[in-house]
Amino acid sequence: MNRTEFVYVTATMLFVAFALGWFAYWLLHRFTRVSQADLGELDQMAQSLHEAEETRDQALEYIQTREAELNNQIAQTEAELRAAMDGLRDARREAEEMRAYIERMNAD
């Protein structure tokens, strides 16, 4: 193989490598291209996701507020129940004392 043949073979190999690289780039670019419709759909999905996150945050805030209100109502109801039970206990004790007093008065 003389010098001229070597140059031609090397040039041909380089051209074939360039052509294969360009073709691979073209195929990759063709299959990974995103259309404007896809971008619009992605924007719409992002907006929907943002709105859903805002709604979730509002729901969590409402739940926390409502839970605090209900806990406060439970505490108040328990305090009222304790007061009512104490009043009932005092009324029973007073009724027992009155019965005992009436029985002593009737026994005398």
Protein backbone atom coordinates (compact mmCIF):
# COMPACT_ATOMS: atom_id res chain seq x y z
CA MET A 1 0.00 0.00 0.00
CA ASN A 2 1.59 3.21 -1.10
CA ARG A 3 1.14 6.65 0.31
CA THR A 4 -1.69 7.73 -2.01
CA GLU A 5 -3.78 4.66 -1.27
CA PHE A 6 -3.26 5.19 2.45
CA VAL A 7 -4.52 8.80 2.19
CA TYR A 8 -7.60 7.70 0.21
CA VAL A 9 -8.44 4.90 2.66
CA THR A 10 -7.96 7.22 5.66
CA ALA A 11 -10.10 9.95 4.05
CA THR A 12 -12.82 7.44 3.22
CA MET A 13 -12.82 6.08 6.78
CA LEU A 14 -13.01 9.58 8.23
CA PHE A 15 -15.88 10.49 5.87
CA VAL A 16 -17.78 7.31 6.78
CA ALA A 17 -17.24 8.02 10.52
CA PHE A 18 -18.47 11.60 10.02
CA ALA A 19 -21.53 10.41 8.10
CA LEU A 20 -22.38 7.81 10.76
CA GLY A 21 -21.98 10.37 13.53
CA TRP A 22 -24.16 12.89 11.71
CA PHE A 23 -26.82 10.23 11.03
CA ALA A 24 -26.80 9.14 14.70
CA TYR A 25 -27.18 12.77 15.80
CA TRP A 26 -30.05 13.27 13.35
CA LEU A 27 -31.84 10.14 14.62
CA LEU A 28 -31.35 11.11 18.25
CA HIS A 29 -32.56 14.65 17.60
CA ARG A 30 -35.55 13.37 15.66
CA PHE A 31 -36.71 10.98 18.42
CA THR A 32 -36.07 13.28 21.36
CA ARG A 33 -37.63 16.41 19.90
CA VAL A 34 -40.47 17.86 21.99
CA SER A 35 -43.33 19.40 20.06
CA GLN A 36 -45.12 22.59 21.01
CA ALA A 37 -48.27 20.58 21.82
CA ASP A 38 -46.28 18.52 24.28
CA LEU A 39 -44.86 21.69 25.85
CA GLY A 40 -48.37 23.11 26.18
CA GLU A 41 -49.56 19.91 27.80
CA LEU A 42 -46.60 19.95 30.18
CA ASP A 43 -47.36 23.56 31.12
CA GLN A 44 -51.00 22.66 31.73
CA MET A 45 -49.99 19.70 33.90
CA ALA A 46 -47.58 21.89 35.87
CA GLN A 47 -50.35 24.46 36.43
CA SER A 48 -52.77 21.73 37.53
CA LEU A 49 -50.15 20.34 39.91
CA HIS A 50 -49.56 23.80 41.37
CA GLU A 51 -53.29 24.32 41.90
CA ALA A 52 -53.60 20.88 43.50
CA GLU A 53 -50.75 21.66 45.89
CA GLU A 54 -52.40 24.96 46.85
CA THR A 55 -55.70 23.17 47.45
CA ARG A 56 -53.91 20.55 49.56
CA ASP A 57 -52.22 23.27 51.62
CA GLN A 58 -55.56 25.01 52.18
CA ALA A 59 -57.18 21.72 53.18
CA LEU A 60 -54.37 20.97 55.65
CA GLU A 61 -54.70 24.44 57.14
CA TYR A 62 -58.48 24.01 57.47
CA ILE A 63 -58.03 20.59 59.07
CA GLN A 64 -55.55 21.96 61.59
CA THR A 65 -57.83 24.88 62.44
CA ARG A 66 -60.85 22.60 62.75
CA GLU A 67 -58.90 20.14 64.89
CA ALA A 68 -57.85 22.95 67.24
CA GLU A 69 -61.47 24.13 67.50
CA LEU A 70 -62.72 20.61 68.21
CA ASN A 71 -60.02 20.04 70.83
CA ASN A 72 -61.05 23.30 72.48
CA GLN A 73 -64.71 22.23 72.45
CA ILE A 74 -63.78 18.85 73.92
CA ALA A 75 -61.82 20.52 76.71
CA GLN A 76 -64.76 22.84 77.47
CA THR A 77 -67.23 19.96 77.43
CA GLU A 78 -65.03 17.92 79.75
CA ALA A 79 -64.76 20.88 82.14
CA GLU A 80 -68.55 21.31 82.07
CA LEU A 81 -68.99 17.58 82.66
CA ARG A 82 -66.64 17.70 85.66
CA ALA A 83 -68.55 20.68 87.05
CA ALA A 84 -71.89 18.92 86.51
CA MET A 85 -70.58 15.73 88.16
CA ASP A 86 -69.30 17.73 91.13
CA GLY A 87 -72.66 19.49 91.42
CA LEU A 88 -74.49 16.15 91.21
CA ARG A 89 -72.19 14.65 93.85
CA ASP A 90 -72.84 17.62 96.13
CA ALA A 91 -76.61 17.36 95.52
CA ARG A 92 -76.58 13.63 96.35
CA ARG A 93 -74.58 14.23 99.50
CA GLU A 94 -76.96 17.01 100.49
CA ALA A 95 -79.97 14.77 99.76
CA GLU A 96 -78.46 12.01 101.92
CA GLU A 97 -77.86 14.51 104.70
CA MET A 98 -81.49 15.69 104.41
CA ARG A 99 -82.77 12.09 104.50
CA ALA A 100 -80.66 11.34 107.51
CA TYR A 101 -81.88 14.54 109.20
CA ILE A 102 -85.52 13.70 108.41
CA GLU A 103 -85.08 10.16 109.70
CA ARG A 104 -83.55 11.49 112.94
CA MET A 105 -86.40 13.97 113.32
CA ASN A 106 -88.99 11.22 112.76
CA ALA A 107 -87.19 8.89 115.15
CA ASP A 108 -87.27 11.44 117.99
